[in-house]
Amino acid sequence: MKIAVQGSYPKIPSGAGASVRTQIQRFDRGVGSPKDLDQTYREATRRMLNLADEVGLDLTTDGQIRWNDLFDPIVRDVDNVYSEGLLRLFDNNFYYRHPVIRGRLAFQGGTLRYWSEQSVAMSKVPLKVALPGPFTFMGLSEDQSYHQSDRLLQDLLAVLKLERESLAGIGVAEVQWDEPSLSRDRALDKGYVKEVLATLTAEASLPQSVALFWGQGAHAWLEALADLPLRTVYLDAVADPAVIPALAETEWPFAVGVGAIDARNVRLESPSDLARQLEPIIRRQGNDRVILHPTSGLELLPPDRAEAKVRRLAEVRAAVLGTTKS
């Protein structure tokens, strides 16, 4: 069984070290230089990547330390998308700068590739980049230009594909499309969703995955995703307990991510309990095709709890190894 993390990581250290949030506040008050702020970003990113290496993760993000939120790289790399006021992100105690579209989307690129090149150079663990999928982007943004969802979607898919391809050739191991909106809305037509995601994932230079979290409908999309060129589908098994039997009963054509480490609760899961839950999934899917991960990014947790959750991944893997050997 493999272990991985999903997206964001706290910008405040769990122990000694520079706090990104503190440095940003100092910078906004005119204290410190752009170089000081950049160095803090680098130190915090390196700290997260060193943790991934120490724990023995098979795949990691860079913690999205430089990102304001999930939409930040798109806002920076695509013309006519702007970050506006803070809105609550679904039912989390977490806020995002909601994207507002004023004009036709045009890809310029550069920022995400630059950030990712830095992280790849620092990381000893294969690095993935998590980006908002089209349904989540459209569901959480404000369109003041197109006023026709089909036209907006067509251009959005084009710029998302260009953003993905901008990461080719720099050592990124995977692009993960985050679609919490799908997990929360099972009423969307599955044929339509499949068609849109087929367009998004076609002709890719990098392995791709889809992450479904924060809703009870994650398992309902498995069949719709089965024919797409995906390496992995990551599923939130805490918000959607039906994920466990769905993965234990049916073998899927992609690797399956089991989000059984709760990224919204400070309580630490029992390694032995999770090992028992995972055993039938591993038996059905195969040991190398099951990935244990937190339900989502860990930035919602206090820094010490986030680190403990990452370390718990390795402890659960050790418990699973003991179970499968016995």
Protein backbone atom coordinates (compact mmCIF):
# COMPACT_ATOMS: atom_id res chain seq x y z
CA MET A 1 0.00 0.00 0.00
CA LYS A 2 1.17 3.50 -0.85
CA ILE A 3 0.74 6.71 1.15
CA ALA A 4 0.34 10.31 -0.04
CA VAL A 5 -0.99 13.73 0.89
CA GLN A 6 -3.59 15.65 -1.05
CA GLY A 7 -3.14 19.43 -1.26
CA SER A 8 -2.46 22.29 1.13
CA TYR A 9 -0.42 22.21 4.34
CA PRO A 10 -0.33 24.72 7.24
CA LYS A 11 1.76 27.82 6.59
CA ILE A 12 2.64 28.01 10.31
CA PRO A 13 5.33 25.58 11.55
CA SER A 14 4.54 22.98 14.19
CA GLY A 15 7.85 23.74 15.89
CA ALA A 16 10.74 26.09 15.25
CA GLY A 17 10.88 27.81 11.89
CA ALA A 18 9.61 30.76 9.92
CA SER A 19 5.85 31.34 9.71
CA VAL A 20 4.61 32.28 6.27
CA ARG A 21 1.53 33.98 7.70
CA THR A 22 3.62 36.11 10.08
CA GLN A 23 6.05 37.05 7.31
CA ILE A 24 3.19 38.06 4.98
CA GLN A 25 1.72 40.28 7.71
CA ARG A 26 5.14 41.86 8.31
CA PHE A 27 5.64 42.39 4.58
CA ASP A 28 2.21 44.05 4.23
CA ARG A 29 3.22 46.47 7.01
CA GLY A 30 6.39 47.37 5.12
CA VAL A 31 8.72 45.24 7.25
CA GLY A 32 11.20 43.03 5.42
CA SER A 33 12.05 42.77 1.74
CA PRO A 34 10.64 40.74 -1.15
CA LYS A 35 13.71 38.53 -0.79
CA ASP A 36 12.88 37.88 2.89
CA LEU A 37 9.33 36.86 1.98
CA ASP A 38 10.51 34.61 -0.84
CA GLN A 39 13.03 32.94 1.48
CA THR A 40 10.28 32.24 3.99
CA TYR A 41 8.17 30.60 1.30
CA ARG A 42 11.13 28.44 0.30
CA GLU A 43 11.94 27.44 3.88
CA ALA A 44 8.34 26.47 4.64
CA THR A 45 8.05 24.49 1.40
CA ARG A 46 11.32 22.69 2.10
CA ARG A 47 10.12 21.88 5.62
CA MET A 48 7.00 20.20 4.25
CA LEU A 49 8.94 18.29 1.58
CA ASN A 50 11.47 17.12 4.17
CA LEU A 51 8.59 15.78 6.27
CA ALA A 52 7.30 13.88 3.23
CA ASP A 53 10.72 12.32 2.73
CA GLU A 54 11.16 11.51 6.43
CA VAL A 55 7.78 9.81 6.64
CA GLY A 56 8.35 7.92 3.39
CA LEU A 57 5.46 9.25 1.33
CA ASP A 58 5.13 7.79 -2.15
CA LEU A 59 3.65 11.01 -3.56
CA THR A 60 3.30 14.54 -2.19
CA THR A 61 2.30 18.06 -3.07
CA ASP A 62 4.57 20.91 -2.02
CA GLY A 63 1.97 21.93 0.55
CA GLN A 64 0.78 24.80 -1.67
CA ILE A 65 2.68 27.10 0.68
CA ARG A 66 2.79 29.97 -1.82
CA TRP A 67 -0.89 29.64 -2.74
CA ASN A 68 -3.61 31.88 -1.32
CA ASP A 69 -6.15 29.15 -2.07
CA LEU A 70 -6.93 26.42 -4.62
CA PHE A 71 -7.73 28.97 -7.34
CA ASP A 72 -4.64 31.14 -6.88
CA PRO A 73 -2.47 29.68 -9.71
CA ILE A 74 -5.34 30.04 -12.19
CA VAL A 75 -5.90 33.65 -11.18
CA ARG A 76 -2.19 34.37 -11.66
CA ASP A 77 -1.74 32.44 -14.92
CA VAL A 78 -5.00 33.26 -16.74
CA ASP A 79 -5.97 36.71 -17.97
CA ASN A 80 -9.34 38.20 -16.95
CA VAL A 81 -9.75 36.14 -13.76
CA TYR A 82 -9.52 38.19 -10.56
CA SER A 83 -9.53 37.33 -6.86
CA GLU A 84 -12.32 39.14 -5.06
CA GLY A 85 -13.77 39.04 -1.53
CA LEU A 86 -13.44 36.14 0.87
CA LEU A 87 -16.19 33.53 0.89
CA ARG A 88 -16.56 30.46 3.09
CA LEU A 89 -15.32 27.31 1.36
CA PHE A 90 -18.32 24.98 1.53
CA ASP A 91 -18.91 24.05 5.19
CA ASN A 92 -15.31 24.51 6.35
CA ASN A 93 -13.98 27.13 8.72
CA PHE A 94 -11.81 28.23 5.83
CA TYR A 95 -12.22 31.02 3.29
CA TYR A 96 -11.17 31.49 -0.32
CA ARG A 97 -10.90 34.53 -2.57
CA HIS A 98 -13.67 33.83 -5.02
CA PRO A 99 -12.63 34.15 -8.67
CA VAL A 100 -14.47 36.72 -10.78
CA ILE A 101 -14.33 36.48 -14.58
CA ARG A 102 -14.24 39.81 -16.41
CA GLY A 103 -13.36 39.18 -20.03
CA ARG A 104 -12.45 36.17 -22.10
CA LEU A 105 -10.08 33.65 -20.49
CA ALA A 106 -6.59 33.64 -22.01
CA PHE A 107 -3.69 31.59 -20.71
CA GLN A 108 -0.42 33.42 -20.02
CA GLY A 109 1.25 30.98 -17.63
CA GLY A 110 4.53 31.10 -15.84
CA THR A 111 3.76 31.34 -12.14
CA LEU A 112 2.70 27.77 -11.38
CA ARG A 113 5.50 26.35 -13.50
CA TYR A 114 8.05 28.50 -11.66
CA TRP A 115 6.71 27.48 -8.24
CA SER A 116 6.64 23.82 -9.26
CA GLU A 117 10.18 23.86 -10.66
CA GLN A 118 11.42 25.11 -7.30
CA SER A 119 9.54 22.40 -5.41
CA VAL A 120 10.64 19.58 -7.71
CA ALA A 121 14.25 20.64 -7.19
CA MET A 122 13.80 20.48 -3.39
CA SER A 123 11.79 17.26 -3.18
CA LYS A 124 13.11 13.71 -2.82
CA VAL A 125 9.53 12.43 -3.11
CA PRO A 126 7.60 12.40 -6.45
CA LEU A 127 5.65 15.67 -6.62
CA LYS A 128 2.08 16.16 -7.78
CA VAL A 129 0.24 19.42 -8.40
CA ALA A 130 -3.43 19.75 -7.40
CA LEU A 131 -5.58 22.11 -9.46
CA PRO A 132 -9.31 22.95 -9.41
CA GLY A 133 -11.37 20.86 -11.77
CA PRO A 134 -13.83 22.58 -14.12
CA PHE A 135 -16.97 21.86 -12.08
CA THR A 136 -15.47 23.19 -8.88
CA PHE A 137 -14.04 26.26 -10.63
CA MET A 138 -17.34 27.11 -12.30
CA GLY A 139 -19.34 26.39 -9.16
CA LEU A 140 -17.26 28.68 -6.96
CA SER A 141 -16.49 31.52 -9.37
CA GLU A 142 -18.55 34.46 -10.59
CA ASP A 143 -19.04 34.97 -14.32
CA GLN A 144 -19.41 38.64 -15.26
CA SER A 145 -18.46 38.17 -18.89
CA TYR A 146 -19.64 35.07 -20.74
CA HIS A 147 -23.19 34.68 -19.39
CA GLN A 148 -23.34 31.37 -21.25
CA SER A 149 -22.05 28.37 -19.34
CA ASP A 150 -21.18 26.38 -22.48
CA ARG A 151 -18.93 29.13 -23.84
CA LEU A 152 -17.29 29.64 -20.46
CA LEU A 153 -16.73 25.91 -20.03
CA GLN A 154 -15.13 25.60 -23.47
CA ASP A 155 -12.56 28.31 -22.71
CA LEU A 156 -12.05 27.10 -19.14
CA LEU A 157 -11.18 23.60 -20.33
CA ALA A 158 -8.73 25.07 -22.81
CA VAL A 159 -6.85 27.13 -20.21
CA LEU A 160 -6.85 24.29 -17.66
CA LYS A 161 -5.28 22.00 -20.25
CA LEU A 162 -2.69 24.66 -21.07
CA GLU A 163 -1.92 25.02 -17.36
CA ARG A 164 -1.44 21.26 -17.11
CA GLU A 165 0.81 21.15 -20.14
CA SER A 166 2.90 24.02 -18.79
CA LEU A 167 4.06 21.59 -16.08
CA ALA A 168 5.40 19.03 -18.55
CA GLY A 169 9.14 18.44 -18.66
CA ILE A 170 10.03 19.83 -15.22
CA GLY A 171 9.68 16.62 -13.21
CA VAL A 172 6.09 16.85 -11.96
CA ALA A 173 4.81 13.31 -11.38
CA GLU A 174 1.05 13.91 -11.58
CA VAL A 175 -1.65 16.55 -12.02
CA GLN A 176 -4.57 16.10 -9.65
CA TRP A 177 -7.92 17.69 -10.54
CA ASP A 178 -9.77 18.60 -7.33
CA GLU A 179 -13.54 18.24 -7.68
CA PRO A 180 -15.23 18.62 -4.29
CA SER A 181 -18.24 20.07 -6.10
CA LEU A 182 -18.91 16.68 -7.69
CA SER A 183 -18.80 14.95 -4.31
CA ARG A 184 -21.50 17.31 -3.08
CA ASP A 185 -23.78 17.17 -6.14
CA ARG A 186 -24.86 13.74 -7.34
CA ALA A 187 -27.66 15.29 -9.41
CA LEU A 188 -25.36 16.31 -12.25
CA ASP A 189 -25.82 14.21 -15.37
CA LYS A 190 -23.11 11.56 -15.31
CA GLY A 191 -22.83 11.42 -19.09
CA TYR A 192 -22.26 15.15 -19.23
CA VAL A 193 -19.65 15.04 -16.44
CA LYS A 194 -17.87 12.17 -18.18
CA GLU A 195 -17.83 14.10 -21.46
CA VAL A 196 -16.39 17.22 -19.84
CA LEU A 197 -13.70 15.33 -17.93
CA ALA A 198 -12.83 13.31 -21.03
CA THR A 199 -12.14 16.58 -22.84
CA LEU A 200 -10.07 17.87 -19.93
CA THR A 201 -7.93 14.75 -19.58
CA ALA A 202 -7.36 14.05 -23.28
CA GLU A 203 -3.94 14.41 -24.93
CA ALA A 204 -2.07 14.87 -21.67
CA SER A 205 1.70 14.82 -21.30
CA LEU A 206 1.45 14.02 -17.58
CA PRO A 207 -0.35 11.34 -15.53
CA GLN A 208 -3.63 12.66 -14.14
CA SER A 209 -5.94 11.96 -11.23
CA VAL A 210 -9.25 13.21 -9.85
CA ALA A 211 -9.87 13.92 -6.16
CA LEU A 212 -13.41 13.81 -4.76
CA PHE A 213 -13.90 15.03 -1.20
CA TRP A 214 -16.12 16.88 1.31
CA GLY A 215 -19.35 15.23 0.21
CA GLN A 216 -21.33 12.02 0.48
CA GLY A 217 -21.42 11.40 -3.26
CA ALA A 218 -17.81 10.53 -4.04
CA HIS A 219 -18.44 6.82 -4.61
CA ALA A 220 -21.30 7.55 -7.02
CA TRP A 221 -18.86 8.85 -9.66
CA LEU A 222 -16.64 5.78 -9.89
CA GLU A 223 -18.37 4.24 -12.90
CA ALA A 224 -18.44 7.55 -14.78
CA LEU A 225 -14.68 7.89 -14.28
CA ALA A 226 -13.83 4.30 -15.20
CA ASP A 227 -13.24 4.95 -18.92
CA LEU A 228 -11.15 8.09 -18.50
CA PRO A 229 -7.33 8.13 -18.79
CA LEU A 230 -6.79 8.52 -15.03
CA ARG A 231 -3.96 7.03 -13.03
CA THR A 232 -5.76 7.46 -9.69
CA VAL A 233 -9.11 8.47 -8.25
CA TYR A 234 -8.82 9.81 -4.69
CA LEU A 235 -11.95 9.45 -2.54
CA ASP A 236 -13.01 10.88 0.81
CA ALA A 237 -14.01 7.83 2.86
CA VAL A 238 -14.81 9.91 5.97
CA ALA A 239 -17.49 12.16 4.47
CA ASP A 240 -18.68 9.25 2.30
CA PRO A 241 -18.40 5.92 4.16
CA ALA A 242 -19.90 4.15 1.11
CA VAL A 243 -16.46 4.51 -0.48
CA ILE A 244 -15.16 1.55 1.58
CA PRO A 245 -17.58 -1.12 0.26
CA ALA A 246 -17.45 0.38 -3.26
CA LEU A 247 -13.69 -0.20 -3.34
CA ALA A 248 -13.83 -3.55 -1.57
CA GLU A 249 -16.46 -5.06 -3.87
CA THR A 250 -15.39 -3.88 -7.36
CA GLU A 251 -11.99 -3.79 -9.02
CA TRP A 252 -11.48 -0.47 -10.79
CA PRO A 253 -9.21 0.24 -13.79
CA PHE A 254 -7.32 2.99 -11.94
CA ALA A 255 -5.46 3.08 -8.64
CA VAL A 256 -7.76 4.04 -5.78
CA GLY A 257 -7.04 6.60 -3.09
CA VAL A 258 -8.69 5.95 0.25
CA GLY A 259 -9.11 9.18 2.20
CA ALA A 260 -9.46 7.62 5.63
CA ILE A 261 -7.33 10.16 7.53
CA ASP A 262 -9.69 13.00 8.46
CA ALA A 263 -8.20 16.35 7.44
CA ARG A 264 -10.94 18.26 9.27
CA ASN A 265 -10.66 16.61 12.70
CA VAL A 266 -7.74 16.78 15.13
CA ARG A 267 -8.41 13.27 16.43
CA LEU A 268 -5.78 10.76 15.36
CA GLU A 269 -7.10 7.58 13.77
CA SER A 270 -6.22 4.14 15.13
CA PRO A 271 -3.68 2.39 12.85
CA SER A 272 -5.08 -1.04 13.66
CA ASP A 273 -8.67 0.05 12.96
CA LEU A 274 -7.72 1.55 9.60
CA ALA A 275 -5.65 -1.51 8.72
CA ARG A 276 -8.76 -3.66 9.16
CA GLN A 277 -10.80 -1.28 6.99
CA LEU A 278 -8.19 -1.28 4.25
CA GLU A 279 -7.53 -5.00 4.14
CA PRO A 280 -10.53 -5.96 1.93
CA ILE A 281 -9.80 -3.03 -0.42
CA ILE A 282 -6.19 -4.14 -0.82
CA ARG A 283 -7.32 -7.71 -1.40
CA ARG A 284 -9.65 -6.56 -4.20
CA GLN A 285 -7.54 -3.83 -5.84
CA GLY A 286 -4.01 -5.11 -5.20
CA ASN A 287 -1.40 -3.78 -2.81
CA ASP A 288 0.28 -1.41 -5.30
CA ARG A 289 -3.03 0.07 -6.45
CA VAL A 290 -4.26 1.37 -3.08
CA ILE A 291 -3.13 4.76 -1.73
CA LEU A 292 -3.95 5.92 1.79
CA HIS A 293 -4.22 9.69 2.17
CA PRO A 294 -5.92 12.45 4.16
CA THR A 295 -9.41 13.32 3.00
CA SER A 296 -8.19 16.67 1.61
CA GLY A 297 -5.46 19.23 2.22
CA LEU A 298 -4.30 19.58 5.83
CA GLU A 299 -4.23 23.37 6.10
CA LEU A 300 -7.51 23.33 8.04
CA LEU A 301 -5.73 21.68 11.00
CA PRO A 302 -3.37 23.13 13.62
CA PRO A 303 0.24 22.62 12.49
CA ASP A 304 1.11 19.97 15.08
CA ARG A 305 -2.00 17.96 14.23
CA ALA A 306 -1.29 18.22 10.51
CA GLU A 307 2.20 16.83 11.04
CA ALA A 308 0.82 14.07 13.26
CA LYS A 309 -1.65 13.12 10.52
CA VAL A 310 1.15 12.82 7.97
CA ARG A 311 3.13 10.62 10.35
CA ARG A 312 0.02 8.54 11.03
CA LEU A 313 -0.03 7.56 7.35
CA ALA A 314 3.23 5.66 7.81
CA GLU A 315 1.98 4.08 11.04
CA VAL A 316 -1.13 2.81 9.29
CA ARG A 317 0.99 1.40 6.46
CA ALA A 318 3.10 -0.45 9.01
CA ALA A 319 -0.06 -1.84 10.60
CA VAL A 320 -1.35 -2.92 7.17
CA LEU A 321 1.95 -4.66 6.45
CA GLY A 322 1.63 -6.54 9.71
CA THR A 323 -1.96 -7.51 8.88
CA THR A 324 -1.15 -8.78 5.40
CA LYS A 325 1.82 -10.81 6.65
CA SER A 326 -0.18 -12.48 9.42
